[in-house]
Amino acid sequence: MTVFTVGQACELDLLLRAAARTEIMPRFRKLGTHSIRTKSGPLDLVTDADEAAEAMIAHGLTRLFPGCLVVGEEAAAGDPALLDRLAGAELAFVVDPVDGTSNYAAGLPLFGTMAAAIVSGEVAASVIHDPVVDSSSIAVRGEGAWEQSSDGKRHTLRVAAPVPVDRMTGAASWRYLPPALRDIVLQNLRRPAQIYDFRCAAHEYRMLAAGHCHFLLFNRLMPWDHLPGWLLHREAGGYAAQFDGSQYRPGIVEGGLICTPDQDSFRRLQDALMRPGASRASVLRTTPLDQAGV
């Protein structure tokens, strides 16, 4: 298999929707204390819904795509060596059954189900599904990105137009930043117009790809959290790179990620947030892109 088709992406979407209907939504706001557990620490939760949905999705993927590798968040928590097999797999899927588990466990309707297909080391397709409104954001490499509602209606996704840093809005997840860099970024977060954190990368990536914000910043890059959204953003016309400007690829779990409308926006935001004592003039400098009024 060398490509992943739009039709196969739609099959992946149907599988995620089925898991949401069967395993996630029936448990929403009905979890007992015994149904919520911690993994690596008190802020790292897993629920019965996470485990049941991942099992259903994994079973469905092996049925639809015999021989594929499935790397789910919960399976990888039990067997971290699964991550090492991504690079050599002809066809692999990463799955986050409930992204935003803290919100889900608290009864907040802000969580998503995510999956990405990786063909010979390249992200080929992705789906981010919102179980609450039954809507999915879908991307296929080279075919664009679109949102698809439960009745099958589609509309194309497109990132926001570039703006100066002081007009940018977006999400910055600073929790996992190294201490020295965290101090710099926190000092500089006053430079964009608005910062927020939904505790849910699925919804942040959906907003970004739909043009409802300008940037996202993350440090820890577990593949099930970011490969689906990275491709969605790229196919919606966006630009993303690691903190040092290098390319983000499957298998990378550190080095940070900044997603913006275009490469010039990346450079300006990188300068604004990552450089100690960045001057206001450098943050708001006029570029040929700004002059063109794009």
C-alpha atoms as a PDB file:
ATOM      1  CA  MET A   1       0.000   0.000   0.000  1.00  0.00           C
ATOM      2  CA  THR A   2       1.524   3.306  -1.087  1.00  0.00           C
ATOM      3  CA  VAL A   3      -1.426   5.675  -0.711  1.00  0.00           C
ATOM      4  CA  PHE A   4      -4.388   6.174   1.558  1.00  0.00           C
ATOM      5  CA  THR A   5      -7.552   7.150  -0.266  1.00  0.00           C
ATOM      6  CA  VAL A   6     -10.397   9.494   0.618  1.00  0.00           C
ATOM      7  CA  GLY A   7     -12.690   6.466   0.750  1.00  0.00           C
ATOM      8  CA  GLN A   8     -10.431   4.755   3.285  1.00  0.00           C
ATOM      9  CA  ALA A   9     -10.333   7.934   5.356  1.00  0.00           C
ATOM     10  CA  CYS A  10     -14.124   7.920   5.397  1.00  0.00           C
ATOM     11  CA  GLU A  11     -14.048   4.309   6.608  1.00  0.00           C
ATOM     12  CA  LEU A  12     -11.737   5.400   9.399  1.00  0.00           C
ATOM     13  CA  ASP A  13     -14.169   8.188  10.257  1.00  0.00           C
ATOM     14  CA  LEU A  14     -17.099   5.753  10.409  1.00  0.00           C
ATOM     15  CA  LEU A  15     -15.126   3.518  12.777  1.00  0.00           C
ATOM     16  CA  LEU A  16     -14.357   6.401  15.139  1.00  0.00           C
ATOM     17  CA  ARG A  17     -17.986   7.527  15.035  1.00  0.00           C
ATOM     18  CA  ALA A  18     -19.156   4.004  15.891  1.00  0.00           C
ATOM     19  CA  ALA A  19     -16.780   3.787  18.857  1.00  0.00           C
ATOM     20  CA  ALA A  20     -17.986   7.173  20.087  1.00  0.00           C
ATOM     21  CA  ARG A  21     -21.639   6.119  19.866  1.00  0.00           C
ATOM     22  CA  THR A  22     -21.070   2.694  21.407  1.00  0.00           C
ATOM     23  CA  GLU A  23     -18.384   3.166  24.052  1.00  0.00           C
ATOM     24  CA  ILE A  24     -17.831   6.863  24.767  1.00  0.00           C
ATOM     25  CA  MET A  25     -21.106   8.758  24.828  1.00  0.00           C
ATOM     26  CA  PRO A  26     -23.115   6.126  26.771  1.00  0.00           C
ATOM     27  CA  ARG A  27     -20.562   6.479  29.611  1.00  0.00           C
ATOM     28  CA  PHE A  28     -20.352  10.276  29.521  1.00  0.00           C
ATOM     29  CA  ARG A  29     -21.355  11.798  32.876  1.00  0.00           C
ATOM     30  CA  LYS A  30     -22.093   8.282  34.158  1.00  0.00           C
ATOM     31  CA  LEU A  31     -18.629   7.208  35.285  1.00  0.00           C
ATOM     32  CA  GLY A  32     -18.275   5.966  38.832  1.00  0.00           C
ATOM     33  CA  THR A  33     -15.101   6.540  40.824  1.00  0.00           C
ATOM     34  CA  HIS A  34     -14.011   2.986  40.021  1.00  0.00           C
ATOM     35  CA  SER A  35     -14.227   3.830  36.294  1.00  0.00           C
ATOM     36  CA  ILE A  36     -11.569   6.578  36.473  1.00  0.00           C
ATOM     37  CA  ARG A  37      -7.932   5.739  37.181  1.00  0.00           C
ATOM     38  CA  THR A  38      -4.521   7.423  37.018  1.00  0.00           C
ATOM     39  CA  LYS A  39      -1.543   6.343  34.935  1.00  0.00           C
ATOM     40  CA  SER A  40       1.757   8.236  35.217  1.00  0.00           C
ATOM     41  CA  GLY A  41       0.448  10.752  37.768  1.00  0.00           C
ATOM     42  CA  PRO A  42      -2.636  12.461  39.207  1.00  0.00           C
ATOM     43  CA  LEU A  43      -3.150  14.581  36.065  1.00  0.00           C
ATOM     44  CA  ASP A  44      -2.855  11.610  33.700  1.00  0.00           C
ATOM     45  CA  LEU A  45      -6.247   9.900  33.701  1.00  0.00           C
ATOM     46  CA  VAL A  46      -7.727   6.892  31.967  1.00  0.00           C
ATOM     47  CA  THR A  47     -11.362   5.765  32.065  1.00  0.00           C
ATOM     48  CA  ASP A  48     -13.332   2.687  31.100  1.00  0.00           C
ATOM     49  CA  ALA A  49     -14.411   4.612  28.008  1.00  0.00           C
ATOM     50  CA  ASP A  50     -10.806   5.171  26.862  1.00  0.00           C
ATOM     51  CA  GLU A  51     -10.008   1.487  27.113  1.00  0.00           C
ATOM     52  CA  ALA A  52     -13.244   0.190  25.593  1.00  0.00           C
ATOM     53  CA  ALA A  53     -13.196   2.657  22.688  1.00  0.00           C
ATOM     54  CA  GLU A  54      -9.549   1.925  21.891  1.00  0.00           C
ATOM     55  CA  ALA A  55     -10.208  -1.821  21.891  1.00  0.00           C
ATOM     56  CA  MET A  56     -13.154  -1.372  19.511  1.00  0.00           C
ATOM     57  CA  ILE A  57     -11.176   0.904  17.175  1.00  0.00           C
ATOM     58  CA  ALA A  58      -8.139  -1.397  17.168  1.00  0.00           C
ATOM     59  CA  HIS A  59     -10.307  -4.406  16.345  1.00  0.00           C
ATOM     60  CA  GLY A  60     -12.022  -2.483  13.553  1.00  0.00           C
ATOM     61  CA  LEU A  61      -8.720  -1.330  12.060  1.00  0.00           C
ATOM     62  CA  THR A  62      -7.252  -4.829  11.938  1.00  0.00           C
ATOM     63  CA  ARG A  63     -10.443  -5.990  10.216  1.00  0.00           C
ATOM     64  CA  LEU A  64     -10.426  -3.158   7.658  1.00  0.00           C
ATOM     65  CA  PHE A  65      -6.660  -3.198   7.109  1.00  0.00           C
ATOM     66  CA  PRO A  66      -5.296  -6.696   7.785  1.00  0.00           C
ATOM     67  CA  GLY A  67      -1.695  -6.703   8.928  1.00  0.00           C
ATOM     68  CA  CYS A  68      -1.643  -3.055  10.023  1.00  0.00           C
ATOM     69  CA  LEU A  69       0.070  -1.905  13.196  1.00  0.00           C
ATOM     70  CA  VAL A  70      -2.181  -0.146  15.714  1.00  0.00           C
ATOM     71  CA  VAL A  71      -0.552   2.070  18.332  1.00  0.00           C
ATOM     72  CA  GLY A  72      -3.187   3.257  20.774  1.00  0.00           C
ATOM     73  CA  GLU A  73      -2.485   5.585  23.670  1.00  0.00           C
ATOM     74  CA  GLU A  74      -3.636   3.055  26.248  1.00  0.00           C
ATOM     75  CA  ALA A  75      -1.864   0.105  24.613  1.00  0.00           C
ATOM     76  CA  ALA A  76       1.367   2.114  24.448  1.00  0.00           C
ATOM     77  CA  ALA A  77       1.031   3.000  28.128  1.00  0.00           C
ATOM     78  CA  GLY A  78       1.226  -0.716  28.842  1.00  0.00           C
ATOM     79  CA  ASP A  79       3.839  -1.465  26.165  1.00  0.00           C
ATOM     80  CA  PRO A  80       6.004   1.590  25.313  1.00  0.00           C
ATOM     81  CA  ALA A  81       7.949  -0.509  22.779  1.00  0.00           C
ATOM     82  CA  LEU A  82       4.961  -0.173  20.420  1.00  0.00           C
ATOM     83  CA  LEU A  83       6.191   3.331  19.564  1.00  0.00           C
ATOM     84  CA  ASP A  84       9.461   1.930  18.220  1.00  0.00           C
ATOM     85  CA  ARG A  85       7.589  -0.059  15.566  1.00  0.00           C
ATOM     86  CA  LEU A  86       6.007   2.992  13.906  1.00  0.00           C
ATOM     87  CA  ALA A  87       9.017   3.893  11.769  1.00  0.00           C
ATOM     88  CA  GLY A  88       9.288   0.491  10.097  1.00  0.00           C
ATOM     89  CA  ALA A  89       5.605  -0.268   9.551  1.00  0.00           C
ATOM     90  CA  GLU A  90       4.188  -0.312   6.017  1.00  0.00           C
ATOM     91  CA  LEU A  91       0.812   0.762   7.403  1.00  0.00           C
ATOM     92  CA  ALA A  92       0.231   1.922  10.973  1.00  0.00           C
ATOM     93  CA  PHE A  93      -2.452   3.787  12.865  1.00  0.00           C
ATOM     94  CA  VAL A  94      -2.092   5.911  15.974  1.00  0.00           C
ATOM     95  CA  VAL A  95      -5.244   6.217  18.061  1.00  0.00           C
ATOM     96  CA  ASP A  96      -6.302   8.487  20.907  1.00  0.00           C
ATOM     97  CA  PRO A  97      -9.706   7.121  21.921  1.00  0.00           C
ATOM     98  CA  VAL A  98     -10.604  10.016  24.250  1.00  0.00           C
ATOM     99  CA  ASP A  99      -8.412  13.072  23.884  1.00  0.00           C
ATOM    100  CA  GLY A 100      -9.227  15.402  26.749  1.00  0.00           C
ATOM    101  CA  THR A 101      -9.840  12.641  29.271  1.00  0.00           C
ATOM    102  CA  SER A 102      -9.686  15.136  32.159  1.00  0.00           C
ATOM    103  CA  ASN A 103     -12.594  17.046  30.610  1.00  0.00           C
ATOM    104  CA  TYR A 104     -14.478  13.832  29.865  1.00  0.00           C
ATOM    105  CA  ALA A 105     -14.035  12.527  33.415  1.00  0.00           C
ATOM    106  CA  ALA A 106     -15.213  15.886  34.792  1.00  0.00           C
ATOM    107  CA  GLY A 107     -18.358  15.797  32.671  1.00  0.00           C
ATOM    108  CA  LEU A 108     -17.224  18.664  30.402  1.00  0.00           C
ATOM    109  CA  PRO A 109     -18.332  18.239  26.757  1.00  0.00           C
ATOM    110  CA  LEU A 110     -14.895  19.070  25.322  1.00  0.00           C
ATOM    111  CA  PHE A 111     -13.128  15.916  24.175  1.00  0.00           C
ATOM    112  CA  GLY A 112     -12.446  14.113  20.930  1.00  0.00           C
ATOM    113  CA  THR A 113     -11.482  10.834  19.295  1.00  0.00           C
ATOM    114  CA  MET A 114      -8.432  10.943  17.020  1.00  0.00           C
ATOM    115  CA  ALA A 115      -6.614   8.653  14.622  1.00  0.00           C
ATOM    116  CA  ALA A 116      -3.998   8.992  11.918  1.00  0.00           C
ATOM    117  CA  ALA A 117      -2.841   6.582   9.225  1.00  0.00           C
ATOM    118  CA  ILE A 118       0.921   6.358   8.642  1.00  0.00           C
ATOM    119  CA  VAL A 119       2.029   4.821   5.336  1.00  0.00           C
ATOM    120  CA  SER A 120       5.725   3.922   5.105  1.00  0.00           C
ATOM    121  CA  GLY A 121       6.680   6.569   7.631  1.00  0.00           C
ATOM    122  CA  GLU A 122       4.489   9.388   6.259  1.00  0.00           C
ATOM    123  CA  VAL A 123       1.228  10.647   7.770  1.00  0.00           C
ATOM    124  CA  ALA A 124      -1.298   9.860   5.041  1.00  0.00           C
ATOM    125  CA  ALA A 125      -4.713  10.550   6.575  1.00  0.00           C
ATOM    126  CA  SER A 126      -6.311  11.665   9.799  1.00  0.00           C
ATOM    127  CA  VAL A 127      -9.659  12.004  11.512  1.00  0.00           C
ATOM    128  CA  ILE A 128     -10.553  14.077  14.565  1.00  0.00           C
ATOM    129  CA  HIS A 129     -14.093  13.322  15.706  1.00  0.00           C
ATOM    130  CA  ASP A 130     -16.205  15.335  18.139  1.00  0.00           C
ATOM    131  CA  PRO A 131     -18.523  12.762  19.781  1.00  0.00           C
ATOM    132  CA  VAL A 132     -20.749  15.408  21.365  1.00  0.00           C
ATOM    133  CA  VAL A 133     -21.920  17.030  18.118  1.00  0.00           C
ATOM    134  CA  ASP A 134     -21.111  14.007  15.900  1.00  0.00           C
ATOM    135  CA  SER A 135     -18.880  15.996  13.550  1.00  0.00           C
ATOM    136  CA  SER A 136     -15.477  15.041  12.142  1.00  0.00           C
ATOM    137  CA  SER A 137     -12.530  16.922  10.701  1.00  0.00           C
ATOM    138  CA  ILE A 138     -10.833  14.763   8.066  1.00  0.00           C
ATOM    139  CA  ALA A 139      -7.625  15.149   6.053  1.00  0.00           C
ATOM    140  CA  VAL A 140      -5.955  13.082   3.344  1.00  0.00           C
ATOM    141  CA  ARG A 141      -2.422  13.878   2.246  1.00  0.00           C
ATOM    142  CA  GLY A 142      -2.577  15.850  -0.997  1.00  0.00           C
ATOM    143  CA  GLU A 143      -6.399  15.894  -1.005  1.00  0.00           C
ATOM    144  CA  GLY A 144      -7.105  18.700   1.472  1.00  0.00           C
ATOM    145  CA  ALA A 145      -9.052  18.876   4.706  1.00  0.00           C
ATOM    146  CA  TRP A 146     -12.747  19.118   5.381  1.00  0.00           C
ATOM    147  CA  GLU A 147     -15.344  18.931   8.143  1.00  0.00           C
ATOM    148  CA  GLN A 148     -18.065  16.329   7.744  1.00  0.00           C
ATOM    149  CA  SER A 149     -21.317  16.376   9.708  1.00  0.00           C
ATOM    150  CA  SER A 150     -23.399  13.365  10.676  1.00  0.00           C
ATOM    151  CA  ASP A 151     -25.652  13.817   7.621  1.00  0.00           C
ATOM    152  CA  GLY A 152     -22.665  13.607   5.267  1.00  0.00           C
ATOM    153  CA  LYS A 153     -22.463  17.305   4.418  1.00  0.00           C
ATOM    154  CA  ARG A 154     -18.923  18.599   3.955  1.00  0.00           C
ATOM    155  CA  HIS A 155     -17.233  21.954   3.943  1.00  0.00           C
ATOM    156  CA  THR A 156     -13.605  22.682   3.215  1.00  0.00           C
ATOM    157  CA  LEU A 157     -11.290  23.671   6.051  1.00  0.00           C
ATOM    158  CA  ARG A 158      -8.856  26.561   5.669  1.00  0.00           C
ATOM    159  CA  VAL A 159      -6.487  28.145   8.177  1.00  0.00           C
ATOM    160  CA  ALA A 160      -6.822  31.785   9.211  1.00  0.00           C
ATOM    161  CA  ALA A 161      -5.132  34.516   7.208  1.00  0.00           C
ATOM    162  CA  PRO A 162      -1.771  35.689   8.609  1.00  0.00           C
ATOM    163  CA  VAL A 163      -1.796  38.609  11.042  1.00  0.00           C
ATOM    164  CA  PRO A 164       0.874  40.352  13.168  1.00  0.00           C
ATOM    165  CA  VAL A 165       1.784  38.651  16.436  1.00  0.00           C
ATOM    166  CA  ASP A 166      -0.157  41.164  18.537  1.00  0.00           C
ATOM    167  CA  ARG A 167      -3.341  40.100  16.715  1.00  0.00           C
ATOM    168  CA  MET A 168      -2.760  36.353  16.917  1.00  0.00           C
ATOM    169  CA  THR A 169      -4.939  34.140  19.093  1.00  0.00           C
ATOM    170  CA  GLY A 170      -4.144  30.580  19.966  1.00  0.00           C
ATOM    171  CA  ALA A 171      -3.407  27.862  22.495  1.00  0.00           C
ATOM    172  CA  ALA A 172      -0.095  27.409  24.268  1.00  0.00           C
ATOM    173  CA  SER A 173       0.431  24.259  26.309  1.00  0.00           C
ATOM    174  CA  TRP A 174       3.417  25.126  28.514  1.00  0.00           C
ATOM    175  CA  ARG A 175       3.051  22.413  31.157  1.00  0.00           C
ATOM    176  CA  TYR A 176       5.765  20.124  29.714  1.00  0.00           C
ATOM    177  CA  LEU A 177       8.228  22.815  28.615  1.00  0.00           C
ATOM    178  CA  PRO A 178      11.748  22.524  30.104  1.00  0.00           C
ATOM    179  CA  PRO A 179      11.966  24.924  33.085  1.00  0.00           C
ATOM    180  CA  ALA A 180      14.325  27.438  31.446  1.00  0.00           C
ATOM    181  CA  LEU A 181      12.264  27.624  28.252  1.00  0.00           C
ATOM    182  CA  ARG A 182       9.030  27.711  30.241  1.00  0.00           C
ATOM    183  CA  ASP A 183      10.179  30.867  32.010  1.00  0.00           C
ATOM    184  CA  ILE A 184      10.931  32.550  28.686  1.00  0.00           C
ATOM    185  CA  VAL A 185       7.651  31.502  27.048  1.00  0.00           C
ATOM    186  CA  LEU A 186       5.540  32.501  30.040  1.00  0.00           C
ATOM    187  CA  GLN A 187       7.157  35.924  30.045  1.00  0.00           C
ATOM    188  CA  ASN A 188       6.372  36.307  26.340  1.00  0.00           C
ATOM    189  CA  LEU A 189       2.798  34.992  26.282  1.00  0.00           C
ATOM    190  CA  ARG A 190       1.587  38.560  26.767  1.00  0.00           C
ATOM    191  CA  ARG A 191       2.646  39.338  23.186  1.00  0.00           C
ATOM    192  CA  PRO A 192      -0.163  37.561  21.270  1.00  0.00           C
ATOM    193  CA  ALA A 193      -3.693  38.935  21.558  1.00  0.00           C
ATOM    194  CA  GLN A 194      -5.204  35.925  23.361  1.00  0.00           C
ATOM    195  CA  ILE A 195      -4.016  32.622  24.847  1.00  0.00           C
ATOM    196  CA  TYR A 196      -6.113  29.683  26.012  1.00  0.00           C
ATOM    197  CA  ASP A 197      -5.813  25.978  26.811  1.00  0.00           C
ATOM    198  CA  PHE A 198      -8.781  23.626  26.360  1.00  0.00           C
ATOM    199  CA  ARG A 199      -6.992  20.596  27.856  1.00  0.00           C
ATOM    200  CA  CYS A 200      -7.910  18.971  24.537  1.00  0.00           C
ATOM    201  CA  ALA A 201      -5.620  18.986  21.497  1.00  0.00           C
ATOM    202  CA  ALA A 202      -8.431  17.512  19.368  1.00  0.00           C
ATOM    203  CA  HIS A 203     -10.565  20.650  19.658  1.00  0.00           C
ATOM    204  CA  GLU A 204      -7.588  22.988  19.444  1.00  0.00           C
ATOM    205  CA  TYR A 205      -6.497  21.434  16.151  1.00  0.00           C
ATOM    206  CA  ARG A 206     -10.063  21.546  14.826  1.00  0.00           C
ATOM    207  CA  MET A 207     -10.268  25.256  15.640  1.00  0.00           C
ATOM    208  CA  LEU A 208      -6.893  25.903  14.037  1.00  0.00           C
ATOM    209  CA  ALA A 209      -7.712  24.087  10.800  1.00  0.00           C
ATOM    210  CA  ALA A 210     -11.072  25.858  10.552  1.00  0.00           C
ATOM    211  CA  GLY A 211      -9.457  29.281  10.818  1.00  0.00           C
ATOM    212  CA  HIS A 212     -10.861  30.143  14.269  1.00  0.00           C
ATOM    213  CA  CYS A 213      -7.407  30.812  15.757  1.00  0.00           C
ATOM    214  CA  HIS A 214      -3.897  31.437  14.446  1.00  0.00           C
ATOM    215  CA  PHE A 215      -1.486  29.202  16.321  1.00  0.00           C
ATOM    216  CA  LEU A 216      -0.862  26.272  18.624  1.00  0.00           C
ATOM    217  CA  LEU A 217       2.210  25.564  20.720  1.00  0.00           C
ATOM    218  CA  PHE A 218       3.031  22.193  22.287  1.00  0.00           C
ATOM    219  CA  ASN A 219       6.152  20.642  23.794  1.00  0.00           C
ATOM    220  CA  ARG A 220       5.413  16.948  24.438  1.00  0.00           C
ATOM    221  CA  LEU A 221       4.570  15.281  21.127  1.00  0.00           C
ATOM    222  CA  MET A 222       3.039  11.872  21.654  1.00  0.00           C
ATOM    223  CA  PRO A 223       2.003  10.704  18.163  1.00  0.00           C
ATOM    224  CA  TRP A 224      -1.659  10.008  18.942  1.00  0.00           C
ATOM    225  CA  ASP A 225      -1.991  13.572  20.273  1.00  0.00           C
ATOM    226  CA  HIS A 226      -0.394  15.391  17.329  1.00  0.00           C
ATOM    227  CA  LEU A 227      -0.073  13.416  14.090  1.00  0.00           C
ATOM    228  CA  PRO A 228      -3.824  13.661  13.360  1.00  0.00           C
ATOM    229  CA  GLY A 229      -3.945  17.409  13.982  1.00  0.00           C
ATOM    230  CA  TRP A 230      -0.626  18.116  12.258  1.00  0.00           C
ATOM    231  CA  LEU A 231      -1.884  16.654   8.974  1.00  0.00           C
ATOM    232  CA  LEU A 232      -5.280  18.333   9.335  1.00  0.00           C
ATOM    233  CA  HIS A 233      -3.577  21.709   9.790  1.00  0.00           C
ATOM    234  CA  ARG A 234      -1.169  21.108   6.905  1.00  0.00           C
ATOM    235  CA  GLU A 235      -3.919  20.078   4.487  1.00  0.00           C
ATOM    236  CA  ALA A 236      -5.928  23.145   5.530  1.00  0.00           C
ATOM    237  CA  GLY A 237      -3.010  25.268   4.284  1.00  0.00           C
ATOM    238  CA  GLY A 238      -1.023  25.760   7.486  1.00  0.00           C
ATOM    239  CA  TYR A 239       2.668  25.583   8.323  1.00  0.00           C
ATOM    240  CA  ALA A 240       4.197  23.823  11.335  1.00  0.00           C
ATOM    241  CA  ALA A 241       7.720  23.124  12.554  1.00  0.00           C
ATOM    242  CA  GLN A 242       9.540  22.237  15.738  1.00  0.00           C
ATOM    243  CA  PHE A 243      10.862  24.906  18.066  1.00  0.00           C
ATOM    244  CA  ASP A 244      14.198  24.983  16.221  1.00  0.00           C
ATOM    245  CA  GLY A 245      12.498  25.171  12.808  1.00  0.00           C
ATOM    246  CA  SER A 246      13.113  21.531  11.866  1.00  0.00           C
ATOM    247  CA  GLN A 247      10.477  19.309  10.279  1.00  0.00           C
ATOM    248  CA  TYR A 248       8.102  17.336  12.505  1.00  0.00           C
ATOM    249  CA  ARG A 249       7.761  13.660  11.595  1.00  0.00           C
ATOM    250  CA  PRO A 250       6.228  10.465  13.015  1.00  0.00           C
ATOM    251  CA  GLY A 251       8.300   9.066  15.851  1.00  0.00           C
ATOM    252  CA  ILE A 252       9.379  12.466  17.200  1.00  0.00           C
ATOM    253  CA  VAL A 253       8.159  12.951  20.778  1.00  0.00           C
ATOM    254  CA  GLU A 254      10.160  15.994  21.891  1.00  0.00           C
ATOM    255  CA  GLY A 255      11.489  19.263  20.530  1.00  0.00           C
ATOM    256  CA  GLY A 256       8.159  21.070  20.565  1.00  0.00           C
ATOM    257  CA  LEU A 257       5.792  22.118  17.791  1.00  0.00           C
ATOM    258  CA  ILE A 258       4.456  25.486  16.654  1.00  0.00           C
ATOM    259  CA  CYS A 259       1.595  25.578  14.143  1.00  0.00           C
ATOM    260  CA  THR A 260       0.811  28.823  12.282  1.00  0.00           C
ATOM    261  CA  PRO A 261      -0.888  29.984   9.063  1.00  0.00           C
ATOM    262  CA  ASP A 262       2.367  30.184   7.078  1.00  0.00           C
ATOM    263  CA  GLN A 263       6.135  30.063   7.398  1.00  0.00           C
ATOM    264  CA  ASP A 264       6.550  33.803   7.932  1.00  0.00           C
ATOM    265  CA  SER A 265       4.018  33.684  10.784  1.00  0.00           C
ATOM    266  CA  PHE A 266       5.981  30.791  12.291  1.00  0.00           C
ATOM    267  CA  ARG A 267       9.205  32.792  12.266  1.00  0.00           C
ATOM    268  CA  ARG A 268       7.594  35.855  13.812  1.00  0.00           C
ATOM    269  CA  LEU A 269       5.845  33.847  16.549  1.00  0.00           C
ATOM    270  CA  GLN A 270       8.959  31.764  17.197  1.00  0.00           C
ATOM    271  CA  ASP A 271      10.906  35.001  17.701  1.00  0.00           C
ATOM    272  CA  ALA A 272       8.198  36.525  19.871  1.00  0.00           C
ATOM    273  CA  LEU A 273       7.772  33.566  22.226  1.00  0.00           C
ATOM    274  CA  MET A 274      11.152  31.823  22.305  1.00  0.00           C
ATOM    275  CA  ARG A 275      13.693  34.636  22.452  1.00  0.00           C
ATOM    276  CA  PRO A 276      14.496  36.178  25.850  1.00  0.00           C
ATOM    277  CA  GLY A 277      13.702  39.878  25.941  1.00  0.00           C
ATOM    278  CA  ALA A 278      12.319  39.997  22.394  1.00  0.00           C
ATOM    279  CA  SER A 279      11.776  43.638  21.580  1.00  0.00           C
ATOM    280  CA  ARG A 280       8.325  44.913  20.750  1.00  0.00           C
ATOM    281  CA  ALA A 281       9.682  46.235  17.464  1.00  0.00           C
ATOM    282  CA  SER A 282      10.874  42.778  16.396  1.00  0.00           C
ATOM    283  CA  VAL A 283       7.573  41.175  17.377  1.00  0.00           C
ATOM    284  CA  LEU A 284       5.461  43.661  15.438  1.00  0.00           C
ATOM    285  CA  ARG A 285       7.844  44.276  12.549  1.00  0.00           C
ATOM    286  CA  THR A 286       6.265  44.804   9.146  1.00  0.00           C
ATOM    287  CA  THR A 287       6.987  42.114   6.577  1.00  0.00           C
ATOM    288  CA  PRO A 288       6.326  41.970   2.839  1.00  0.00           C
ATOM    289  CA  LEU A 289       3.433  39.619   3.634  1.00  0.00           C
ATOM    290  CA  ASP A 290       1.833  42.197   5.960  1.00  0.00           C
ATOM    291  CA  GLN A 291       2.372  44.916   3.371  1.00  0.00           C
ATOM    292  CA  ALA A 292       0.537  42.821   0.823  1.00  0.00           C
ATOM    293  CA  GLY A 293      -2.468  42.810   3.149  1.00  0.00           C
ATOM    294  CA  VAL A 294      -2.789  39.014   3.212  1.00  0.00           C
END
